[in-house]
Amino acid sequence: MADKIKFSLALVLLAAGVAGFYLLSGQAMILRVLAVLAGVAVAAAVAWKTAQGQRFFAFANESVVEARKVVWPTRKETMQTTAMVFAFVVVMALFLYLTDKSLEWVLYDLVLGWKKS
C-alpha cells in the first residue's frame, strides 16, 4: 500500500510541475521550464523509492549495459552497405520499369490493338 501512495504522490508532483508551467505564464520561460524540470526530478526521486521504480531503474541500467555491448559497424562497412542498398534500388527500379513497359506493350499493342499515336 505504501508503494501505491508513493507512486500516486509522484504522479501528483509531476502534475504539479506541469501545472507550475502554466501558472507561471507571466514569468520568464526559464522559470517555467525549471518548474517542469523540478516536478519531474522530484517525481522521479519519489518513484525511485517504490518497488516498481526500483525494478524500472534496474531495467534501465541493464539496458544501458546491453547497449554498450553492441558492436557498431565501421564507417567503411556503413558506406559499403549503403552503396549496396542504392545499387539494389536502381536495379529494382530498372526491372520494374522494364516489366511495366513490357506488360503495357503486350496488353495495349498486341492484345487490345490500341496503338499509341
PDB file of N, CA and C in Angstrom:
ATOM      1  N   MET A   1       0.822  -1.193   0.000  1.00  0.00           N
ATOM      2  CA  MET A   1       0.000   0.000   0.000  1.00  0.00           C
ATOM      3  C   MET A   1       0.869   1.260   0.000  1.00  0.00           C
ATOM      4  N   ALA A   2       1.997   1.173   0.696  1.00  0.00           N
ATOM      5  CA  ALA A   2       2.886   2.327   0.757  1.00  0.00           C
ATOM      6  C   ALA A   2       3.445   2.661  -0.623  1.00  0.00           C
ATOM      7  N   ASP A   3       3.708   1.623  -1.431  1.00  0.00           N
ATOM      8  CA  ASP A   3       4.220   1.860  -2.778  1.00  0.00           C
ATOM      9  C   ASP A   3       3.185   2.587  -3.628  1.00  0.00           C
ATOM     10  N   LYS A   4       1.917   2.221  -3.470  1.00  0.00           N
ATOM     11  CA  LYS A   4       0.869   2.875  -4.246  1.00  0.00           C
ATOM     12  C   LYS A   4       0.738   4.340  -3.842  1.00  0.00           C
ATOM     13  N   ILE A   5       0.874   4.614  -2.575  1.00  0.00           N
ATOM     14  CA  ILE A   5       0.802   6.002  -2.097  1.00  0.00           C
ATOM     15  C   ILE A   5       1.986   6.803  -2.637  1.00  0.00           C
ATOM     16  N   LYS A   6       3.179   6.206  -2.597  1.00  0.00           N
ATOM     17  CA  LYS A   6       4.364   6.894  -3.121  1.00  0.00           C
ATOM     18  C   LYS A   6       4.231   7.151  -4.615  1.00  0.00           C
ATOM     19  N   PHE A   7       3.726   6.162  -5.334  1.00  0.00           N
ATOM     20  CA  PHE A   7       3.574   6.330  -6.773  1.00  0.00           C
ATOM     21  C   PHE A   7       2.525   7.398  -7.084  1.00  0.00           C
ATOM     22  N   SER A   8       1.450   7.417  -6.327  1.00  0.00           N
ATOM     23  CA  SER A   8       0.425   8.451  -6.500  1.00  0.00           C
ATOM     24  C   SER A   8       1.003   9.830  -6.202  1.00  0.00           C
ATOM     25  N   LEU A   9       1.822   9.918  -5.157  1.00  0.00           N
ATOM     26  CA  LEU A   9       2.474  11.174  -4.815  1.00  0.00           C
ATOM     27  C   LEU A   9       3.394  11.627  -5.946  1.00  0.00           C
ATOM     28  N   ALA A  10       4.094  10.672  -6.561  1.00  0.00           N
ATOM     29  CA  ALA A  10       4.977  11.004  -7.678  1.00  0.00           C
ATOM     30  C   ALA A  10       4.165  11.569  -8.851  1.00  0.00           C
ATOM     31  N   LEU A  11       3.016  10.976  -9.115  1.00  0.00           N
ATOM     32  CA  LEU A  11       2.164  11.489 -10.190  1.00  0.00           C
ATOM     33  C   LEU A  11       1.642  12.886  -9.880  1.00  0.00           C
ATOM     34  N   VAL A  12       1.286  13.114  -8.619  1.00  0.00           N
ATOM     35  CA  VAL A  12       0.813  14.437  -8.209  1.00  0.00           C
ATOM     36  C   VAL A  12       1.934  15.465  -8.355  1.00  0.00           C
ATOM     37  N   LEU A  13       3.148  15.100  -7.970  1.00  0.00           N
ATOM     38  CA  LEU A  13       4.288  16.009  -8.104  1.00  0.00           C
ATOM     39  C   LEU A  13       4.596  16.308  -9.573  1.00  0.00           C
ATOM     40  N   LEU A  14       4.468  15.304 -10.413  1.00  0.00           N
ATOM     41  CA  LEU A  14       4.672  15.514 -11.842  1.00  0.00           C
ATOM     42  C   LEU A  14       3.615  16.465 -12.394  1.00  0.00           C
ATOM     43  N   ALA A  15       2.371  16.249 -11.995  1.00  0.00           N
ATOM     44  CA  ALA A  15       1.284  17.138 -12.432  1.00  0.00           C
ATOM     45  C   ALA A  15       1.494  18.549 -11.889  1.00  0.00           C
ATOM     46  N   ALA A  16       2.016  18.660 -10.674  1.00  0.00           N
ATOM     47  CA  ALA A  16       2.270  19.973 -10.094  1.00  0.00           C
ATOM     48  C   ALA A  16       3.351  20.719 -10.885  1.00  0.00           C
ATOM     49  N   GLY A  17       4.362  19.989 -11.355  1.00  0.00           N
ATOM     50  CA  GLY A  17       5.400  20.620 -12.175  1.00  0.00           C
ATOM     51  C   GLY A  17       4.839  21.142 -13.479  1.00  0.00           C
ATOM     52  N   VAL A  18       3.965  20.355 -14.103  1.00  0.00           N
ATOM     53  CA  VAL A  18       3.349  20.788 -15.359  1.00  0.00           C
ATOM     54  C   VAL A  18       2.396  21.961 -15.095  1.00  0.00           C
ATOM     55  N   ALA A  19       1.639  21.880 -14.009  1.00  0.00           N
ATOM     56  CA  ALA A  19       0.735  22.977 -13.664  1.00  0.00           C
ATOM     57  C   ALA A  19       1.518  24.249 -13.373  1.00  0.00           C
ATOM     58  N   GLY A  20       2.692  24.112 -12.747  1.00  0.00           N
ATOM     59  CA  GLY A  20       3.536  25.268 -12.480  1.00  0.00           C
ATOM     60  C   GLY A  20       3.947  25.983 -13.749  1.00  0.00           C
ATOM     61  N   PHE A  21       4.131  25.220 -14.825  1.00  0.00           N
ATOM     62  CA  PHE A  21       4.483  25.822 -16.113  1.00  0.00           C
ATOM     63  C   PHE A  21       3.391  26.792 -16.560  1.00  0.00           C
ATOM     64  N   TYR A  22       2.144  26.379 -16.382  1.00  0.00           N
ATOM     65  CA  TYR A  22       1.037  27.221 -16.834  1.00  0.00           C
ATOM     66  C   TYR A  22       0.700  28.320 -15.824  1.00  0.00           C
ATOM     67  N   LEU A  23       0.885  28.045 -14.553  1.00  0.00           N
ATOM     68  CA  LEU A  23       0.600  29.065 -13.545  1.00  0.00           C
ATOM     69  C   LEU A  23       1.613  30.205 -13.580  1.00  0.00           C
ATOM     70  N   LEU A  24       2.811  29.905 -14.030  1.00  0.00           N
ATOM     71  CA  LEU A  24       3.854  30.921 -14.119  1.00  0.00           C
ATOM     72  C   LEU A  24       3.905  31.544 -15.522  1.00  0.00           C
ATOM     73  N   SER A  25       2.767  31.644 -16.179  1.00  0.00           N
ATOM     74  CA  SER A  25       2.745  32.126 -17.555  1.00  0.00           C
ATOM     75  C   SER A  25       3.248  33.567 -17.686  1.00  0.00           C
ATOM     76  N   GLY A  26       3.186  34.349 -16.622  1.00  0.00           N
ATOM     77  CA  GLY A  26       3.671  35.726 -16.678  1.00  0.00           C
ATOM     78  C   GLY A  26       5.156  35.840 -16.403  1.00  0.00           C
ATOM     79  N   GLN A  27       5.797  34.753 -16.012  1.00  0.00           N
ATOM     80  CA  GLN A  27       7.222  34.774 -15.658  1.00  0.00           C
ATOM     81  C   GLN A  27       8.074  34.445 -16.884  1.00  0.00           C
ATOM     82  N   ALA A  28       9.372  34.526 -16.691  1.00  0.00           N
ATOM     83  CA  ALA A  28      10.317  34.199 -17.760  1.00  0.00           C
ATOM     84  C   ALA A  28      10.217  32.707 -18.094  1.00  0.00           C
ATOM     85  N   MET A  29      10.495  32.377 -19.337  1.00  0.00           N
ATOM     86  CA  MET A  29      10.388  30.993 -19.802  1.00  0.00           C
ATOM     87  C   MET A  29      11.316  30.068 -19.023  1.00  0.00           C
ATOM     88  N   ILE A  30      12.476  30.560 -18.619  1.00  0.00           N
ATOM     89  CA  ILE A  30      13.417  29.716 -17.878  1.00  0.00           C
ATOM     90  C   ILE A  30      12.809  29.253 -16.557  1.00  0.00           C
ATOM     91  N   LEU A  31      12.075  30.119 -15.884  1.00  0.00           N
ATOM     92  CA  LEU A  31      11.435  29.729 -14.627  1.00  0.00           C
ATOM     93  C   LEU A  31      10.338  28.703 -14.866  1.00  0.00           C
ATOM     94  N   ARG A  32       9.624  28.862 -15.953  1.00  0.00           N
ATOM     95  CA  ARG A  32       8.558  27.911 -16.283  1.00  0.00           C
ATOM     96  C   ARG A  32       9.137  26.536 -16.583  1.00  0.00           C
ATOM     97  N   VAL A  33      10.226  26.506 -17.334  1.00  0.00           N
ATOM     98  CA  VAL A  33      10.865  25.234 -17.663  1.00  0.00           C
ATOM     99  C   VAL A  33      11.471  24.605 -16.414  1.00  0.00           C
ATOM    100  N   LEU A  34      12.065  25.435 -15.559  1.00  0.00           N
ATOM    101  CA  LEU A  34      12.628  24.917 -14.308  1.00  0.00           C
ATOM    102  C   LEU A  34      11.544  24.320 -13.416  1.00  0.00           C
ATOM    103  N   ALA A  35      10.335  24.882 -13.443  1.00  0.00           N
ATOM    104  CA  ALA A  35       9.236  24.328 -12.658  1.00  0.00           C
ATOM    105  C   ALA A  35       8.896  22.928 -13.144  1.00  0.00           C
ATOM    106  N   VAL A  36       8.859  22.733 -14.456  1.00  0.00           N
ATOM    107  CA  VAL A  36       8.580  21.402 -15.007  1.00  0.00           C
ATOM    108  C   VAL A  36       9.709  20.440 -14.667  1.00  0.00           C
ATOM    109  N   LEU A  37      10.942  20.875 -14.852  1.00  0.00           N
ATOM    110  CA  LEU A  37      12.082  20.005 -14.552  1.00  0.00           C
ATOM    111  C   LEU A  37      12.144  19.639 -13.075  1.00  0.00           C
ATOM    112  N   ALA A  38      11.825  20.590 -12.212  1.00  0.00           N
ATOM    113  CA  ALA A  38      11.810  20.298 -10.775  1.00  0.00           C
ATOM    114  C   ALA A  38      10.717  19.282 -10.460  1.00  0.00           C
ATOM    115  N   GLY A  39       9.546  19.439 -11.069  1.00  0.00           N
ATOM    116  CA  GLY A  39       8.470  18.472 -10.850  1.00  0.00           C
ATOM    117  C   GLY A  39       8.848  17.079 -11.317  1.00  0.00           C
ATOM    118  N   VAL A  40       9.495  17.005 -12.472  1.00  0.00           N
ATOM    119  CA  VAL A  40       9.928  15.703 -12.995  1.00  0.00           C
ATOM    120  C   VAL A  40      11.000  15.090 -12.088  1.00  0.00           C
ATOM    121  N   ALA A  41      11.953  15.905 -11.641  1.00  0.00           N
ATOM    122  CA  ALA A  41      13.038  15.391 -10.794  1.00  0.00           C
ATOM    123  C   ALA A  41      12.512  14.891  -9.459  1.00  0.00           C
ATOM    124  N   VAL A  42      11.647  15.665  -8.826  1.00  0.00           N
ATOM    125  CA  VAL A  42      11.115  15.245  -7.523  1.00  0.00           C
ATOM    126  C   VAL A  42      10.215  14.024  -7.694  1.00  0.00           C
ATOM    127  N   ALA A  43       9.415  13.989  -8.752  1.00  0.00           N
ATOM    128  CA  ALA A  43       8.562  12.829  -9.009  1.00  0.00           C
ATOM    129  C   ALA A  43       9.397  11.583  -9.257  1.00  0.00           C
ATOM    130  N   ALA A  44      10.491  11.720 -10.006  1.00  0.00           N
ATOM    131  CA  ALA A  44      11.371  10.574 -10.250  1.00  0.00           C
ATOM    132  C   ALA A  44      12.027  10.097  -8.956  1.00  0.00           C
ATOM    133  N   ALA A  45      12.411  11.037  -8.098  1.00  0.00           N
ATOM    134  CA  ALA A  45      13.030  10.654  -6.821  1.00  0.00           C
ATOM    135  C   ALA A  45      12.045   9.891  -5.941  1.00  0.00           C
ATOM    136  N   VAL A  46      10.793  10.333  -5.921  1.00  0.00           N
ATOM    137  CA  VAL A  46       9.788   9.637  -5.119  1.00  0.00           C
ATOM    138  C   VAL A  46       9.457   8.287  -5.742  1.00  0.00           C
ATOM    139  N   ALA A  47       9.325   8.239  -7.066  1.00  0.00           N
ATOM    140  CA  ALA A  47       9.004   6.985  -7.745  1.00  0.00           C
ATOM    141  C   ALA A  47      10.134   5.973  -7.605  1.00  0.00           C
ATOM    142  N   TRP A  48      11.373   6.459  -7.498  1.00  0.00           N
ATOM    143  CA  TRP A  48      12.519   5.561  -7.365  1.00  0.00           C
ATOM    144  C   TRP A  48      12.458   4.778  -6.060  1.00  0.00           C
ATOM    145  N   LYS A  49      11.782   5.309  -5.056  1.00  0.00           N
ATOM    146  CA  LYS A  49      11.688   4.651  -3.757  1.00  0.00           C
ATOM    147  C   LYS A  49      10.646   3.533  -3.732  1.00  0.00           C
ATOM    148  N   THR A  50       9.863   3.375  -4.802  1.00  0.00           N
ATOM    149  CA  THR A  50       8.869   2.298  -4.836  1.00  0.00           C
ATOM    150  C   THR A  50       9.499   1.030  -5.408  1.00  0.00           C
ATOM    151  N   ALA A  51       8.830  -0.101  -5.208  1.00  0.00           N
ATOM    152  CA  ALA A  51       9.335  -1.369  -5.750  1.00  0.00           C
ATOM    153  C   ALA A  51       9.316  -1.339  -7.274  1.00  0.00           C
ATOM    154  N   GLN A  52       8.252  -0.791  -7.844  1.00  0.00           N
ATOM    155  CA  GLN A  52       8.186  -0.680  -9.303  1.00  0.00           C
ATOM    156  C   GLN A  52       9.277   0.239  -9.825  1.00  0.00           C
ATOM    157  N   GLY A  53       9.539   1.309  -9.105  1.00  0.00           N
ATOM    158  CA  GLY A  53      10.590   2.233  -9.505  1.00  0.00           C
ATOM    159  C   GLY A  53      11.957   1.574  -9.477  1.00  0.00           C
ATOM    160  N   GLN A  54      12.211   0.775  -8.456  1.00  0.00           N
ATOM    161  CA  GLN A  54      13.485   0.056  -8.361  1.00  0.00           C
ATOM    162  C   GLN A  54      13.655  -0.908  -9.530  1.00  0.00           C
ATOM    163  N   ARG A  55      12.564  -1.624  -9.865  1.00  0.00           N
ATOM    164  CA  ARG A  55      12.629  -2.547 -10.997  1.00  0.00           C
ATOM    165  C   ARG A  55      12.864  -1.789 -12.306  1.00  0.00           C
ATOM    166  N   PHE A  56      12.189  -0.640 -12.458  1.00  0.00           N
ATOM    167  CA  PHE A  56      12.360   0.142 -13.678  1.00  0.00           C
ATOM    168  C   PHE A  56      13.786   0.643 -13.819  1.00  0.00           C
ATOM    169  N   PHE A  57      14.345   1.183 -12.755  1.00  0.00           N
ATOM    170  CA  PHE A  57      15.708   1.708 -12.834  1.00  0.00           C
ATOM    171  C   PHE A  57      16.727   0.585 -13.015  1.00  0.00           C
ATOM    172  N   ALA A  58      16.472  -0.598 -12.440  1.00  0.00           N
ATOM    173  CA  ALA A  58      17.354  -1.746 -12.680  1.00  0.00           C
ATOM    174  C   ALA A  58      17.287  -2.152 -14.147  1.00  0.00           C
ATOM    175  N   PHE A  59      16.073  -2.170 -14.703  1.00  0.00           N
ATOM    176  CA  PHE A  59      15.910  -2.490 -16.122  1.00  0.00           C
ATOM    177  C   PHE A  59      16.625  -1.469 -16.997  1.00  0.00           C
ATOM    178  N   ALA A  60      16.504  -0.182 -16.655  1.00  0.00           N
ATOM    179  CA  ALA A  60      17.156   0.866 -17.430  1.00  0.00           C
ATOM    180  C   ALA A  60      18.673   0.701 -17.392  1.00  0.00           C
ATOM    181  N   ASN A  61      19.215   0.380 -16.226  1.00  0.00           N
ATOM    182  CA  ASN A  61      20.661   0.179 -16.112  1.00  0.00           C
ATOM    183  C   ASN A  61      21.115  -1.036 -16.924  1.00  0.00           C
ATOM    184  N   GLU A  62      20.341  -2.118 -16.894  1.00  0.00           N
ATOM    185  CA  GLU A  62      20.682  -3.304 -17.679  1.00  0.00           C
ATOM    186  C   GLU A  62      20.602  -3.001 -19.174  1.00  0.00           C
ATOM    187  N   SER A  63      19.660  -2.163 -19.569  1.00  0.00           N
ATOM    188  CA  SER A  63      19.535  -1.785 -20.980  1.00  0.00           C
ATOM    189  C   SER A  63      20.762  -1.006 -21.443  1.00  0.00           C
ATOM    190  N   VAL A  64      21.248  -0.122 -20.607  1.00  0.00           N
ATOM    191  CA  VAL A  64      22.455   0.647 -20.951  1.00  0.00           C
ATOM    192  C   VAL A  64      23.650  -0.285 -21.079  1.00  0.00           C
ATOM    193  N   VAL A  65      23.763  -1.254 -20.166  1.00  0.00           N
ATOM    194  CA  VAL A  65      24.872  -2.216 -20.221  1.00  0.00           C
ATOM    195  C   VAL A  65      24.802  -3.016 -21.516  1.00  0.00           C
ATOM    196  N   GLU A  66      23.610  -3.464 -21.898  1.00  0.00           N
ATOM    197  CA  GLU A  66      23.456  -4.233 -23.136  1.00  0.00           C
ATOM    198  C   GLU A  66      23.744  -3.373 -24.365  1.00  0.00           C
ATOM    199  N   ALA A  67      23.348  -2.114 -24.334  1.00  0.00           N
ATOM    200  CA  ALA A  67      23.610  -1.233 -25.478  1.00  0.00           C
ATOM    201  C   ALA A  67      25.107  -1.006 -25.667  1.00  0.00           C
ATOM    202  N   ARG A  68      25.843  -1.035 -24.596  1.00  0.00           N
ATOM    203  CA  ARG A  68      27.294  -0.858 -24.698  1.00  0.00           C
ATOM    204  C   ARG A  68      27.970  -2.086 -25.298  1.00  0.00           C
ATOM    205  N   LYS A  69      27.308  -3.242 -25.254  1.00  0.00           N
ATOM    206  CA  LYS A  69      27.872  -4.464 -25.817  1.00  0.00           C
ATOM    207  C   LYS A  69      27.706  -4.549 -27.326  1.00  0.00           C
ATOM    208  N   VAL A  70      26.890  -3.686 -27.890  1.00  0.00           N
ATOM    209  CA  VAL A  70      26.627  -3.728 -29.328  1.00  0.00           C
ATOM    210  C   VAL A  70      27.890  -3.348 -30.079  1.00  0.00           C
ATOM    211  N   VAL A  71      28.184  -4.114 -31.120  1.00  0.00           N
ATOM    212  CA  VAL A  71      29.319  -3.802 -31.979  1.00  0.00           C
ATOM    213  C   VAL A  71      28.778  -3.011 -33.155  1.00  0.00           C
ATOM    214  N   TRP A  72      29.110  -1.736 -33.193  1.00  0.00           N
ATOM    215  CA  TRP A  72      28.612  -0.861 -34.234  1.00  0.00           C
ATOM    216  C   TRP A  72      29.490  -0.993 -35.467  1.00  0.00           C
ATOM    217  N   PRO A  73      28.901  -0.871 -36.662  1.00  0.00           N
ATOM    218  CA  PRO A  73      29.712  -1.004 -37.883  1.00  0.00           C
ATOM    219  C   PRO A  73      30.667   0.172 -38.044  1.00  0.00           C
ATOM    220  N   THR A  74      31.754  -0.105 -38.730  1.00  0.00           N
ATOM    221  CA  THR A  74      32.715   0.957 -39.019  1.00  0.00           C
ATOM    222  C   THR A  74      32.160   1.842 -40.130  1.00  0.00           C
ATOM    223  N   ARG A  75      32.830   2.949 -40.372  1.00  0.00           N
ATOM    224  CA  ARG A  75      32.398   3.860 -41.432  1.00  0.00           C
ATOM    225  C   ARG A  75      32.457   3.160 -42.790  1.00  0.00           C
ATOM    226  N   LYS A  76      33.516   2.376 -43.003  1.00  0.00           N
ATOM    227  CA  LYS A  76      33.677   1.662 -44.275  1.00  0.00           C
ATOM    228  C   LYS A  76      32.528   0.672 -44.476  1.00  0.00           C
ATOM    229  N   GLU A  77      32.199  -0.091 -43.446  1.00  0.00           N
ATOM    230  CA  GLU A  77      31.098  -1.056 -43.546  1.00  0.00           C
ATOM    231  C   GLU A  77      29.770  -0.356 -43.819  1.00  0.00           C
ATOM    232  N   THR A  78      29.566   0.775 -43.166  1.00  0.00           N
ATOM    233  CA  THR A  78      28.331   1.529 -43.367  1.00  0.00           C
ATOM    234  C   THR A  78      28.240   2.042 -44.796  1.00  0.00           C
ATOM    235  N   MET A  79      29.322   2.568 -45.322  1.00  0.00           N
ATOM    236  CA  MET A  79      29.331   3.083 -46.690  1.00  0.00           C
ATOM    237  C   MET A  79      29.114   1.954 -47.704  1.00  0.00           C
ATOM    238  N   GLN A  80      29.730   0.792 -47.477  1.00  0.00           N
ATOM    239  CA  GLN A  80      29.552  -0.340 -48.387  1.00  0.00           C
ATOM    240  C   GLN A  80      28.110  -0.836 -48.373  1.00  0.00           C
ATOM    241  N   THR A  81      27.522  -0.931 -47.200  1.00  0.00           N
ATOM    242  CA  THR A  81      26.144  -1.384 -47.089  1.00  0.00           C
ATOM    243  C   THR A  81      25.197  -0.388 -47.751  1.00  0.00           C
ATOM    244  N   THR A  82      25.440   0.895 -47.546  1.00  0.00           N
ATOM    245  CA  THR A  82      24.609   1.923 -48.170  1.00  0.00           C
ATOM    246  C   THR A  82      24.720   1.862 -49.685  1.00  0.00           C
ATOM    247  N   ALA A  83      25.916   1.659 -50.198  1.00  0.00           N
ATOM    248  CA  ALA A  83      26.117   1.555 -51.647  1.00  0.00           C
ATOM    249  C   ALA A  83      25.378   0.340 -52.196  1.00  0.00           C
ATOM    250  N   MET A  84      25.406  -0.762 -51.485  1.00  0.00           N
ATOM    251  CA  MET A  84      24.695  -1.962 -51.930  1.00  0.00           C
ATOM    252  C   MET A  84      23.186  -1.724 -51.960  1.00  0.00           C
ATOM    253  N   VAL A  85      22.679  -1.012 -50.984  1.00  0.00           N
ATOM    254  CA  VAL A  85      21.242  -0.709 -50.961  1.00  0.00           C
ATOM    255  C   VAL A  85      20.879   0.170 -52.146  1.00  0.00           C
ATOM    256  N   PHE A  86      21.658   1.206 -52.416  1.00  0.00           N
ATOM    257  CA  PHE A  86      21.390   2.076 -53.560  1.00  0.00           C
ATOM    258  C   PHE A  86      21.465   1.302 -54.874  1.00  0.00           C
ATOM    259  N   ALA A  87      22.459   0.427 -55.005  1.00  0.00           N
ATOM    260  CA  ALA A  87      22.585  -0.372 -56.229  1.00  0.00           C
ATOM    261  C   ALA A  87      21.359  -1.278 -56.394  1.00  0.00           C
ATOM    262  N   PHE A  88      20.917  -1.890 -55.329  1.00  0.00           N
ATOM    263  CA  PHE A  88      19.738  -2.748 -55.392  1.00  0.00           C
ATOM    264  C   PHE A  88      18.500  -1.946 -55.782  1.00  0.00           C
ATOM    265  N   VAL A  89      18.367  -0.750 -55.249  1.00  0.00           N
ATOM    266  CA  VAL A  89      17.223   0.100 -55.588  1.00  0.00           C
ATOM    267  C   VAL A  89      17.242   0.453 -57.067  1.00  0.00           C
ATOM    268  N   VAL A  90      18.397   0.777 -57.601  1.00  0.00           N
ATOM    269  CA  VAL A  90      18.492   1.113 -59.019  1.00  0.00           C
ATOM    270  C   VAL A  90      18.150  -0.105 -59.882  1.00  0.00           C
ATOM    271  N   VAL A  91      18.679  -1.260 -59.535  1.00  0.00           N
ATOM    272  CA  VAL A  91      18.383  -2.481 -60.292  1.00  0.00           C
ATOM    273  C   VAL A  91      16.891  -2.801 -60.235  1.00  0.00           C
ATOM    274  N   MET A  92      16.291  -2.698 -59.069  1.00  0.00           N
ATOM    275  CA  MET A  92      14.860  -2.977 -58.945  1.00  0.00           C
ATOM    276  C   MET A  92      14.031  -1.953 -59.704  1.00  0.00           C
ATOM    277  N   ALA A  93      14.440  -0.694 -59.707  1.00  0.00           N
ATOM    278  CA  ALA A  93      13.715   0.334 -60.450  1.00  0.00           C
ATOM    279  C   ALA A  93      13.751   0.022 -61.943  1.00  0.00           C
ATOM    280  N   LEU A  94      14.913  -0.359 -62.452  1.00  0.00           N
ATOM    281  CA  LEU A  94      15.019  -0.722 -63.862  1.00  0.00           C
ATOM    282  C   LEU A  94      14.179  -1.957 -64.179  1.00  0.00           C
ATOM    283  N   PHE A  95      14.236  -2.949 -63.336  1.00  0.00           N
ATOM    284  CA  PHE A  95      13.453  -4.163 -63.542  1.00  0.00           C
ATOM    285  C   PHE A  95      11.957  -3.858 -63.567  1.00  0.00           C
ATOM    286  N   LEU A  96      11.491  -3.080 -62.617  1.00  0.00           N
ATOM    287  CA  LEU A  96      10.067  -2.746 -62.574  1.00  0.00           C
ATOM    288  C   LEU A  96       9.662  -1.886 -63.762  1.00  0.00           C
ATOM    289  N   TYR A  97      10.514  -0.970 -64.178  1.00  0.00           N
ATOM    290  CA  TYR A  97      10.225  -0.143 -65.344  1.00  0.00           C
ATOM    291  C   TYR A  97      10.097  -1.014 -66.603  1.00  0.00           C
ATOM    292  N   LEU A  98      11.068  -1.914 -66.796  1.00  0.00           N
ATOM    293  CA  LEU A  98      11.027  -2.793 -67.971  1.00  0.00           C
ATOM    294  C   LEU A  98       9.828  -3.734 -67.933  1.00  0.00           C
ATOM    295  N   THR A  99       9.502  -4.252 -66.768  1.00  0.00           N
ATOM    296  CA  THR A  99       8.332  -5.115 -66.627  1.00  0.00           C
ATOM    297  C   THR A  99       7.061  -4.349 -66.950  1.00  0.00           C
ATOM    298  N   ASP A 100       6.949  -3.132 -66.441  1.00  0.00           N
ATOM    299  CA  ASP A 100       5.770  -2.312 -66.692  1.00  0.00           C
ATOM    300  C   ASP A 100       5.623  -2.004 -68.181  1.00  0.00           C
ATOM    301  N   LYS A 101       6.701  -1.593 -68.815  1.00  0.00           N
ATOM    302  CA  LYS A 101       6.643  -1.257 -70.234  1.00  0.00           C
ATOM    303  C   LYS A 101       6.372  -2.503 -71.084  1.00  0.00           C
ATOM    304  N   SER A 102       6.918  -3.640 -70.689  1.00  0.00           N
ATOM    305  CA  SER A 102       6.655  -4.881 -71.429  1.00  0.00           C
ATOM    306  C   SER A 102       5.190  -5.271 -71.331  1.00  0.00           C
ATOM    307  N   LEU A 103       4.640  -5.220 -70.133  1.00  0.00           N
ATOM    308  CA  LEU A 103       3.224  -5.551 -69.965  1.00  0.00           C
ATOM    309  C   LEU A 103       2.338  -4.540 -70.692  1.00  0.00           C
ATOM    310  N   GLU A 104       2.720  -3.292 -70.675  1.00  0.00           N
ATOM    311  CA  GLU A 104       1.959  -2.270 -71.401  1.00  0.00           C
ATOM    312  C   GLU A 104       1.952  -2.576 -72.895  1.00  0.00           C
ATOM    313  N   TRP A 105       3.106  -2.931 -73.446  1.00  0.00           N
ATOM    314  CA  TRP A 105       3.211  -3.248 -74.860  1.00  0.00           C
ATOM    315  C   TRP A 105       2.375  -4.474 -75.210  1.00  0.00           C
ATOM    316  N   VAL A 106       2.492  -5.526 -74.368  1.00  0.00           N
ATOM    317  CA  VAL A 106       1.741  -6.753 -74.637  1.00  0.00           C
ATOM    318  C   VAL A 106       0.249  -6.492 -74.568  1.00  0.00           C
ATOM    319  N   LEU A 107      -0.216  -5.827 -73.534  1.00  0.00           N
ATOM    320  CA  LEU A 107      -1.652  -5.637 -73.359  1.00  0.00           C
ATOM    321  C   LEU A 107      -2.239  -4.647 -74.349  1.00  0.00           C
ATOM    322  N   TYR A 108      -1.638  -3.493 -74.477  1.00  0.00           N
ATOM    323  CA  TYR A 108      -2.243  -2.446 -75.297  1.00  0.00           C
ATOM    324  C   TYR A 108      -1.994  -2.637 -76.796  1.00  0.00           C
ATOM    325  N   ASP A 109      -0.774  -3.033 -77.153  1.00  0.00           N
ATOM    326  CA  ASP A 109      -0.467  -3.129 -78.585  1.00  0.00           C
ATOM    327  C   ASP A 109      -0.862  -4.481 -79.159  1.00  0.00           C
ATOM    328  N   LEU A 110      -0.500  -5.564 -78.501  1.00  0.00           N
ATOM    329  CA  LEU A 110      -0.733  -6.885 -79.071  1.00  0.00           C
ATOM    330  C   LEU A 110      -2.144  -7.403 -78.783  1.00  0.00           C
ATOM    331  N   VAL A 111      -2.587  -7.343 -77.523  1.00  0.00           N
ATOM    332  CA  VAL A 111      -3.874  -7.930 -77.162  1.00  0.00           C
ATOM    333  C   VAL A 111      -5.029  -7.048 -77.574  1.00  0.00           C
ATOM    334  N   LEU A 112      -5.010  -5.790 -77.172  1.00  0.00           N
ATOM    335  CA  LEU A 112      -6.139  -4.904 -77.439  1.00  0.00           C
ATOM    336  C   LEU A 112      -6.036  -4.147 -78.765  1.00  0.00           C
ATOM    337  N   GLY A 113      -4.853  -4.064 -79.305  1.00  0.00           N
ATOM    338  CA  GLY A 113      -4.662  -3.363 -80.567  1.00  0.00           C
ATOM    339  C   GLY A 113      -4.752  -1.864 -80.465  1.00  0.00           C
ATOM    340  N   TRP A 114      -4.550  -1.310 -79.304  1.00  0.00           N
ATOM    341  CA  TRP A 114      -4.600   0.156 -79.125  1.00  0.00           C
ATOM    342  C   TRP A 114      -3.203   0.703 -79.346  1.00  0.00           C
ATOM    343  N   LYS A 115      -2.901   1.039 -80.501  1.00  0.00           N
ATOM    344  CA  LYS A 115      -1.574   1.590 -80.776  1.00  0.00           C
ATOM    345  C   LYS A 115      -1.522   3.037 -80.351  1.00  0.00           C
ATOM    346  N   LYS A 116      -0.423   3.403 -79.759  1.00  0.00           N
ATOM    347  CA  LYS A 116      -0.230   4.800 -79.349  1.00  0.00           C
ATOM    348  C   LYS A 116       0.110   5.636 -80.571  1.00  0.00           C
ATOM    349  N   SER A 117      -0.399   6.857 -80.586  1.00  0.00           N
ATOM    350  CA  SER A 117      -0.096   7.715 -81.740  1.00  0.00           C
ATOM    351  C   SER A 117       1.075   8.604 -81.466  1.00  0.00           C
TER     352      SER A 117
END
